[in-house]
């Protein structure tokens, strides 16, 4: 296998069928132990539901604590960020193996105008539930007469 170098052809402009084929070949020759791991998909899952007067958002965050989550709303975007630091320290003088894990994930949801001071969030059993009331609708479309 000397001389084979994986090259992610998804950066070049080709048809989607060719992209899938070439990416499959590239992943086959990938040195990673987890060849199907893709950083674009490596985040927590969310469900967004329009309930009429408000939105509900459910985010799957198993093993995450309240203090590791940051929830912000700005200019029509609801941002869920998770910053996690995990460290295993064994009190042995001649340790052979120590592990540290730092992870950061973020999802941004475009919801439009919300009543920001009434957004509620609750974390229970690894699921973050957010209730975000919509602001009063403002007419965005106006027909302009041409003279």
N, C-alpha and C. Protein backbone atom coordinates (compact mmCIF):
# COMPACT_ATOMS: atom_id res chain seq x y z
N UNK A 1 0.81 -1.19 0.00
CA UNK A 1 0.00 0.00 0.00
C UNK A 1 0.85 1.26 0.00
N UNK A 2 2.12 1.09 -0.17
CA UNK A 2 3.00 2.23 -0.20
C UNK A 2 2.67 3.10 -1.41
N UNK A 3 2.56 4.38 -1.18
CA UNK A 3 2.29 5.28 -2.28
C UNK A 3 0.82 5.68 -2.39
N UNK A 4 -0.06 5.01 -1.68
CA UNK A 4 -1.46 5.40 -1.70
C UNK A 4 -1.70 6.49 -0.67
N UNK A 5 -2.15 7.62 -1.12
CA UNK A 5 -2.40 8.74 -0.23
C UNK A 5 -3.86 9.13 -0.32
N UNK A 6 -4.60 9.06 0.79
CA UNK A 6 -6.00 9.45 0.72
C UNK A 6 -6.13 10.94 0.42
N UNK A 7 -7.07 11.27 -0.42
CA UNK A 7 -7.33 12.66 -0.79
C UNK A 7 -8.82 12.86 -0.79
N UNK A 8 -9.30 13.75 0.01
CA UNK A 8 -10.73 13.97 0.11
C UNK A 8 -11.19 14.79 -1.09
N UNK A 9 -11.81 14.12 -2.02
CA UNK A 9 -12.22 14.77 -3.25
C UNK A 9 -13.48 15.60 -3.08
N UNK A 10 -14.06 15.63 -1.90
CA UNK A 10 -15.25 16.45 -1.69
C UNK A 10 -14.92 17.93 -1.77
N UNK A 11 -13.64 18.27 -1.72
CA UNK A 11 -13.23 19.67 -1.84
C UNK A 11 -13.26 20.13 -3.29
N UNK A 12 -13.19 19.19 -4.24
CA UNK A 12 -13.24 19.56 -5.64
C UNK A 12 -14.69 19.57 -6.11
N UNK A 13 -14.95 20.20 -7.25
CA UNK A 13 -16.32 20.29 -7.77
C UNK A 13 -16.56 19.14 -8.73
N UNK A 14 -17.41 18.20 -8.29
CA UNK A 14 -17.79 17.07 -9.12
C UNK A 14 -19.25 16.77 -8.86
N UNK A 15 -19.79 15.80 -9.58
CA UNK A 15 -21.17 15.43 -9.34
C UNK A 15 -21.27 14.69 -8.02
N UNK A 16 -22.47 14.68 -7.43
CA UNK A 16 -22.65 14.06 -6.12
C UNK A 16 -22.37 12.56 -6.14
N UNK A 17 -22.73 11.87 -7.23
CA UNK A 17 -22.49 10.43 -7.31
C UNK A 17 -21.00 10.12 -7.25
N UNK A 18 -20.20 10.91 -7.96
CA UNK A 18 -18.76 10.70 -7.94
C UNK A 18 -18.19 11.04 -6.57
N UNK A 19 -18.72 12.10 -5.92
CA UNK A 19 -18.25 12.46 -4.58
C UNK A 19 -18.43 11.30 -3.61
N UNK A 20 -19.60 10.71 -3.60
CA UNK A 20 -19.86 9.60 -2.69
C UNK A 20 -18.91 8.44 -2.94
N UNK A 21 -18.66 8.11 -4.20
CA UNK A 21 -17.77 7.02 -4.53
C UNK A 21 -16.34 7.30 -4.08
N UNK A 22 -15.83 8.50 -4.42
CA UNK A 22 -14.46 8.83 -4.06
C UNK A 22 -14.28 8.96 -2.55
N UNK A 23 -15.26 9.52 -1.86
CA UNK A 23 -15.16 9.63 -0.41
C UNK A 23 -15.17 8.25 0.24
N UNK A 24 -15.92 7.31 -0.31
CA UNK A 24 -15.93 5.94 0.21
C UNK A 24 -14.55 5.32 0.05
N UNK A 25 -13.91 5.52 -1.10
CA UNK A 25 -12.56 5.00 -1.33
C UNK A 25 -11.57 5.65 -0.36
N UNK A 26 -11.67 6.97 -0.19
CA UNK A 26 -10.77 7.68 0.72
C UNK A 26 -10.92 7.17 2.15
N UNK A 27 -12.15 6.93 2.59
CA UNK A 27 -12.37 6.45 3.95
C UNK A 27 -11.83 5.04 4.13
N UNK A 28 -11.83 4.22 3.07
CA UNK A 28 -11.28 2.88 3.15
C UNK A 28 -9.79 2.91 3.46
N UNK A 29 -9.07 3.86 2.85
CA UNK A 29 -7.63 3.96 3.05
C UNK A 29 -7.25 4.90 4.19
N UNK A 30 -8.21 5.39 4.93
CA UNK A 30 -7.96 6.30 6.04
C UNK A 30 -7.25 5.54 7.16
N UNK A 31 -6.30 6.17 7.81
CA UNK A 31 -5.55 5.54 8.90
C UNK A 31 -6.31 5.53 10.21
N UNK A 32 -7.41 6.23 10.29
CA UNK A 32 -8.15 6.36 11.53
C UNK A 32 -8.79 5.04 11.94
N UNK A 33 -8.87 4.82 13.26
CA UNK A 33 -9.54 3.64 13.77
C UNK A 33 -11.05 3.73 13.56
N UNK A 34 -11.58 4.96 13.54
CA UNK A 34 -13.00 5.20 13.31
C UNK A 34 -13.16 5.84 11.93
N UNK A 35 -13.18 5.06 10.86
CA UNK A 35 -13.18 5.64 9.52
C UNK A 35 -14.46 6.40 9.18
N UNK A 36 -15.57 6.10 9.81
CA UNK A 36 -16.82 6.78 9.48
C UNK A 36 -17.03 8.06 10.27
N UNK A 37 -16.09 8.43 11.10
CA UNK A 37 -16.23 9.64 11.89
C UNK A 37 -16.06 10.86 10.99
N UNK A 38 -17.03 11.74 11.04
CA UNK A 38 -17.03 12.93 10.20
C UNK A 38 -17.28 14.13 11.11
N UNK A 39 -16.39 15.11 11.11
CA UNK A 39 -16.52 16.24 12.02
C UNK A 39 -17.74 17.09 11.73
N UNK A 40 -18.24 17.06 10.50
CA UNK A 40 -19.44 17.81 10.20
C UNK A 40 -20.67 17.20 10.86
N UNK A 41 -20.65 15.89 11.10
CA UNK A 41 -21.79 15.23 11.73
C UNK A 41 -21.55 14.94 13.21
N UNK A 42 -20.38 15.23 13.72
CA UNK A 42 -20.00 14.86 15.08
C UNK A 42 -20.47 15.92 16.07
N UNK A 43 -21.73 15.92 16.40
CA UNK A 43 -22.29 16.87 17.34
C UNK A 43 -23.55 16.26 17.94
N UNK A 44 -24.19 16.98 18.81
CA UNK A 44 -25.41 16.45 19.43
C UNK A 44 -26.60 16.67 18.52
N UNK A 45 -27.61 15.85 18.69
CA UNK A 45 -28.80 15.88 17.84
C UNK A 45 -29.84 16.80 18.46
N UNK A 46 -30.58 17.51 17.59
CA UNK A 46 -31.65 18.39 18.07
C UNK A 46 -32.92 18.14 17.26
N UNK A 47 -34.06 18.41 17.89
CA UNK A 47 -35.36 18.41 17.25
C UNK A 47 -35.99 19.77 17.51
N UNK A 48 -36.51 20.41 16.46
CA UNK A 48 -37.17 21.71 16.59
C UNK A 48 -38.60 21.55 16.11
N UNK A 49 -39.53 22.00 16.93
CA UNK A 49 -40.94 21.87 16.60
C UNK A 49 -41.62 23.23 16.72
N UNK A 50 -42.44 23.57 15.71
CA UNK A 50 -43.23 24.80 15.72
C UNK A 50 -44.57 24.48 16.36
N UNK A 51 -44.84 25.08 17.53
CA UNK A 51 -46.05 24.81 18.28
C UNK A 51 -47.08 25.94 18.13
N UNK A 52 -46.93 26.78 17.13
CA UNK A 52 -47.86 27.89 16.93
C UNK A 52 -47.32 29.18 17.51
N UNK A 53 -47.53 29.38 18.81
CA UNK A 53 -47.07 30.60 19.48
C UNK A 53 -45.64 30.50 20.00
N UNK A 54 -45.09 29.30 19.96
CA UNK A 54 -43.73 29.11 20.47
C UNK A 54 -43.07 27.94 19.75
N UNK A 55 -41.74 27.85 19.91
CA UNK A 55 -40.97 26.72 19.41
C UNK A 55 -40.54 25.87 20.59
N UNK A 56 -40.45 24.57 20.36
CA UNK A 56 -39.82 23.70 21.34
C UNK A 56 -38.58 23.09 20.67
N UNK A 57 -37.53 23.04 21.45
CA UNK A 57 -36.27 22.47 20.97
C UNK A 57 -35.86 21.40 21.97
N UNK A 58 -35.54 20.22 21.47
CA UNK A 58 -35.01 19.15 22.32
C UNK A 58 -33.61 18.81 21.81
N UNK A 59 -32.66 18.83 22.71
CA UNK A 59 -31.27 18.51 22.36
C UNK A 59 -30.84 17.31 23.20
N UNK A 60 -30.30 16.29 22.55
CA UNK A 60 -29.80 15.11 23.25
C UNK A 60 -28.40 15.39 23.77
N UNK A 61 -28.25 15.46 25.10
CA UNK A 61 -26.97 15.76 25.73
C UNK A 61 -26.69 14.76 26.86
N UNK A 62 -26.55 13.48 26.54
CA UNK A 62 -26.32 12.50 27.61
C UNK A 62 -24.99 12.72 28.31
N UNK A 63 -25.00 12.66 29.63
CA UNK A 63 -23.79 12.81 30.43
C UNK A 63 -23.31 14.23 30.60
N UNK A 64 -24.02 15.21 30.06
CA UNK A 64 -23.63 16.61 30.16
C UNK A 64 -24.32 17.23 31.37
N UNK A 65 -23.58 18.07 32.10
CA UNK A 65 -24.11 18.74 33.29
C UNK A 65 -24.56 20.15 32.94
N UNK A 66 -25.42 20.73 33.78
CA UNK A 66 -25.92 22.09 33.57
C UNK A 66 -24.80 23.10 33.38
N UNK A 67 -23.76 23.01 34.19
CA UNK A 67 -22.69 24.00 34.13
C UNK A 67 -21.82 23.87 32.87
N UNK A 68 -22.00 22.81 32.11
CA UNK A 68 -21.23 22.63 30.87
C UNK A 68 -21.98 23.15 29.64
N UNK A 69 -23.21 23.63 29.85
CA UNK A 69 -24.05 24.10 28.75
C UNK A 69 -24.17 25.61 28.82
N UNK A 70 -24.09 26.25 27.65
CA UNK A 70 -24.34 27.68 27.55
C UNK A 70 -25.41 27.88 26.48
N UNK A 71 -26.45 28.61 26.84
CA UNK A 71 -27.57 28.86 25.94
C UNK A 71 -27.70 30.35 25.72
N UNK A 72 -27.62 30.80 24.46
CA UNK A 72 -27.68 32.22 24.14
C UNK A 72 -28.67 32.45 23.00
N UNK A 73 -29.28 33.64 23.01
CA UNK A 73 -30.14 34.06 21.92
C UNK A 73 -29.72 35.45 21.49
N UNK A 74 -29.47 35.61 20.18
CA UNK A 74 -29.05 36.91 19.66
C UNK A 74 -29.43 37.00 18.19
N UNK A 75 -30.09 38.08 17.83
CA UNK A 75 -30.43 38.40 16.45
C UNK A 75 -31.10 37.24 15.72
N UNK A 76 -32.09 36.64 16.35
CA UNK A 76 -32.85 35.57 15.70
C UNK A 76 -32.22 34.21 15.75
N UNK A 77 -31.09 34.07 16.40
CA UNK A 77 -30.39 32.78 16.47
C UNK A 77 -30.29 32.28 17.90
N UNK A 78 -30.73 31.05 18.10
CA UNK A 78 -30.60 30.38 19.39
C UNK A 78 -29.37 29.49 19.32
N UNK A 79 -28.40 29.72 20.22
CA UNK A 79 -27.15 28.99 20.19
C UNK A 79 -27.02 28.11 21.44
N UNK A 80 -26.79 26.83 21.21
CA UNK A 80 -26.55 25.87 22.29
C UNK A 80 -25.09 25.46 22.19
N UNK A 81 -24.32 25.73 23.24
CA UNK A 81 -22.89 25.38 23.27
C UNK A 81 -22.62 24.45 24.43
N UNK A 82 -21.76 23.48 24.20
CA UNK A 82 -21.34 22.55 25.25
C UNK A 82 -19.82 22.58 25.29
N UNK A 83 -19.27 22.86 26.46
CA UNK A 83 -17.82 22.82 26.68
C UNK A 83 -17.56 21.86 27.82
N UNK A 84 -16.86 20.80 27.50
CA UNK A 84 -16.67 19.73 28.48
C UNK A 84 -15.20 19.40 28.63
N UNK A 85 -14.79 19.26 29.90
CA UNK A 85 -13.42 18.88 30.21
C UNK A 85 -13.49 17.65 31.09
N UNK A 86 -12.85 16.61 30.65
CA UNK A 86 -12.85 15.36 31.41
C UNK A 86 -11.41 14.91 31.58
N UNK A 87 -11.06 14.60 32.81
CA UNK A 87 -9.68 14.22 33.09
C UNK A 87 -9.67 13.06 34.05
N UNK A 88 -8.88 12.05 33.72
CA UNK A 88 -8.72 10.90 34.60
C UNK A 88 -7.33 10.96 35.20
N UNK A 89 -7.25 11.14 36.49
CA UNK A 89 -5.97 11.22 37.16
C UNK A 89 -5.86 10.06 38.15
N UNK A 90 -4.86 9.26 37.96
CA UNK A 90 -4.58 8.20 38.92
C UNK A 90 -3.40 8.65 39.76
N UNK A 91 -3.47 8.42 41.03
CA UNK A 91 -2.44 8.87 41.96
C UNK A 91 -1.29 7.87 42.06
N UNK A 92 -0.78 7.48 40.92
CA UNK A 92 0.37 6.58 40.90
C UNK A 92 1.57 7.36 40.41
N UNK A 93 2.70 7.14 41.04
CA UNK A 93 3.90 7.88 40.68
C UNK A 93 4.41 7.55 39.29
N UNK A 94 4.40 6.30 38.93
CA UNK A 94 4.94 5.88 37.65
C UNK A 94 3.82 5.52 36.68
N UNK A 95 2.92 6.46 36.44
CA UNK A 95 1.81 6.15 35.55
C UNK A 95 2.32 5.92 34.14
N UNK A 96 1.64 5.02 33.45
CA UNK A 96 1.97 4.73 32.07
C UNK A 96 0.97 5.41 31.13
N UNK A 97 -0.23 5.60 31.62
CA UNK A 97 -1.28 6.13 30.76
C UNK A 97 -2.15 7.12 31.53
N UNK A 98 -2.34 8.32 30.99
CA UNK A 98 -3.26 9.32 31.54
C UNK A 98 -4.13 9.81 30.40
N UNK A 99 -5.39 10.11 30.72
CA UNK A 99 -6.28 10.58 29.67
C UNK A 99 -6.88 11.93 30.03
N UNK A 100 -6.95 12.78 29.02
CA UNK A 100 -7.63 14.07 29.14
C UNK A 100 -8.49 14.22 27.90
N UNK A 101 -9.68 14.70 28.10
CA UNK A 101 -10.58 14.89 26.96
C UNK A 101 -11.22 16.26 27.06
N UNK A 102 -11.07 17.04 26.04
CA UNK A 102 -11.70 18.34 25.95
C UNK A 102 -12.59 18.32 24.72
N UNK A 103 -13.84 18.64 24.90
CA UNK A 103 -14.73 18.66 23.76
C UNK A 103 -15.59 19.92 23.79
N UNK A 104 -15.87 20.40 22.62
CA UNK A 104 -16.70 21.58 22.48
C UNK A 104 -17.62 21.36 21.29
N UNK A 105 -18.90 21.56 21.50
CA UNK A 105 -19.88 21.39 20.44
C UNK A 105 -20.81 22.60 20.46
N UNK A 106 -21.31 22.94 19.28
CA UNK A 106 -22.20 24.09 19.21
C UNK A 106 -23.21 23.89 18.09
N UNK A 107 -24.44 24.22 18.38
CA UNK A 107 -25.49 24.22 17.35
C UNK A 107 -26.15 25.58 17.37
N UNK A 108 -26.43 26.12 16.19
CA UNK A 108 -27.10 27.40 16.04
C UNK A 108 -28.38 27.16 15.25
N UNK A 109 -29.49 27.64 15.81
CA UNK A 109 -30.80 27.45 15.19
C UNK A 109 -31.37 28.82 14.86
N UNK A 110 -31.70 29.04 13.61
CA UNK A 110 -32.32 30.30 13.20
C UNK A 110 -33.82 30.20 13.43
N UNK A 111 -34.32 30.93 14.43
CA UNK A 111 -35.74 30.88 14.77
C UNK A 111 -36.45 32.20 14.51
N UNK A 112 -35.75 33.24 14.18
CA UNK A 112 -36.39 34.53 13.97
C UNK A 112 -36.59 35.26 15.30
N UNK A 113 -37.56 36.15 15.32
CA UNK A 113 -37.79 36.97 16.52
C UNK A 113 -38.48 36.17 17.62
N UNK A 114 -37.86 36.16 18.79
CA UNK A 114 -38.40 35.48 19.97
C UNK A 114 -38.51 36.49 21.10
N UNK A 115 -39.33 36.16 22.10
CA UNK A 115 -39.40 36.96 23.32
C UNK A 115 -38.28 36.43 24.22
N UNK A 116 -37.12 37.08 24.16
CA UNK A 116 -35.91 36.53 24.77
C UNK A 116 -36.00 36.38 26.29
N UNK A 117 -36.73 37.26 26.97
CA UNK A 117 -36.79 37.15 28.43
C UNK A 117 -37.78 36.07 28.89
N UNK A 118 -38.47 35.40 27.95
CA UNK A 118 -39.40 34.34 28.32
C UNK A 118 -38.94 32.96 27.84
N UNK A 119 -37.73 32.86 27.32
CA UNK A 119 -37.21 31.56 26.89
C UNK A 119 -36.89 30.73 28.13
N UNK A 120 -37.40 29.50 28.17
CA UNK A 120 -37.19 28.60 29.31
C UNK A 120 -36.40 27.39 28.84
N UNK A 121 -35.51 26.90 29.70
CA UNK A 121 -34.71 25.72 29.39
C UNK A 121 -34.60 24.83 30.62
N UNK A 122 -34.65 23.52 30.38
CA UNK A 122 -34.58 22.56 31.48
C UNK A 122 -33.82 21.33 31.00
N UNK A 123 -32.86 20.87 31.81
CA UNK A 123 -32.09 19.68 31.50
C UNK A 123 -32.54 18.55 32.43
N UNK A 124 -33.02 17.47 31.83
CA UNK A 124 -33.46 16.32 32.63
C UNK A 124 -33.18 15.04 31.85
N UNK A 125 -32.54 14.09 32.51
CA UNK A 125 -32.24 12.78 31.93
C UNK A 125 -31.48 12.88 30.60
N UNK A 126 -30.57 13.83 30.50
CA UNK A 126 -29.75 13.95 29.30
C UNK A 126 -30.42 14.64 28.13
N UNK A 127 -31.61 15.21 28.35
CA UNK A 127 -32.31 15.91 27.28
C UNK A 127 -32.55 17.35 27.71
N UNK A 128 -32.07 18.29 26.90
CA UNK A 128 -32.28 19.71 27.15
C UNK A 128 -33.56 20.12 26.42
N UNK A 129 -34.58 20.56 27.18
CA UNK A 129 -35.84 21.02 26.62
C UNK A 129 -35.88 22.54 26.68
N UNK A 130 -36.13 23.18 25.54
CA UNK A 130 -36.19 24.63 25.46
C UNK A 130 -37.56 25.02 24.91
N UNK A 131 -38.20 25.97 25.59
CA UNK A 131 -39.46 26.53 25.11
C UNK A 131 -39.19 28.00 24.80
N UNK A 132 -39.36 28.37 23.51
CA UNK A 132 -39.02 29.73 23.06
C UNK A 132 -40.25 30.38 22.44
N UNK A 133 -40.90 31.33 23.17
CA UNK A 133 -42.08 32.01 22.63
C UNK A 133 -41.72 32.93 21.47
N UNK A 134 -42.58 32.92 20.46
CA UNK A 134 -42.37 33.79 19.30
C UNK A 134 -42.79 35.21 19.64
N UNK A 135 -42.11 36.17 19.03
CA UNK A 135 -42.50 37.57 19.15
C UNK A 135 -43.67 37.82 18.19
N UNK A 136 -44.38 38.91 18.41
CA UNK A 136 -45.49 39.26 17.52
C UNK A 136 -44.96 39.40 16.10
N UNK A 137 -45.72 38.87 15.16
CA UNK A 137 -45.31 38.91 13.77
C UNK A 137 -45.36 40.33 13.22
N UNK A 138 -44.31 40.72 12.54
CA UNK A 138 -44.22 42.02 11.90
C UNK A 138 -44.27 41.78 10.40
N UNK A 139 -45.08 42.54 9.70
CA UNK A 139 -45.19 42.37 8.26
C UNK A 139 -43.84 42.67 7.61
N UNK A 140 -43.28 41.67 6.95
CA UNK A 140 -41.96 41.80 6.34
C UNK A 140 -42.05 42.20 4.87
N UNK A 141 -43.21 41.94 4.25
CA UNK A 141 -43.34 42.14 2.81
C UNK A 141 -44.23 43.35 2.55
N UNK A 142 -43.76 44.26 1.73
CA UNK A 142 -44.50 45.45 1.36
C UNK A 142 -44.39 45.64 -0.14
N UNK A 143 -45.52 45.86 -0.78
CA UNK A 143 -45.49 46.13 -2.21
C UNK A 143 -45.28 47.61 -2.42
N UNK A 144 -44.34 47.94 -3.26
CA UNK A 144 -43.99 49.34 -3.52
C UNK A 144 -44.48 49.70 -4.92
N UNK A 145 -45.21 50.77 -5.00
CA UNK A 145 -45.73 51.24 -6.29
C UNK A 145 -44.61 51.89 -7.09
N UNK A 146 -44.58 51.57 -8.35
CA UNK A 146 -43.59 52.14 -9.25
C UNK A 146 -44.24 53.33 -9.96
N UNK A 147 -43.59 54.46 -9.93
CA UNK A 147 -44.14 55.68 -10.55
C UNK A 147 -43.52 55.94 -11.88
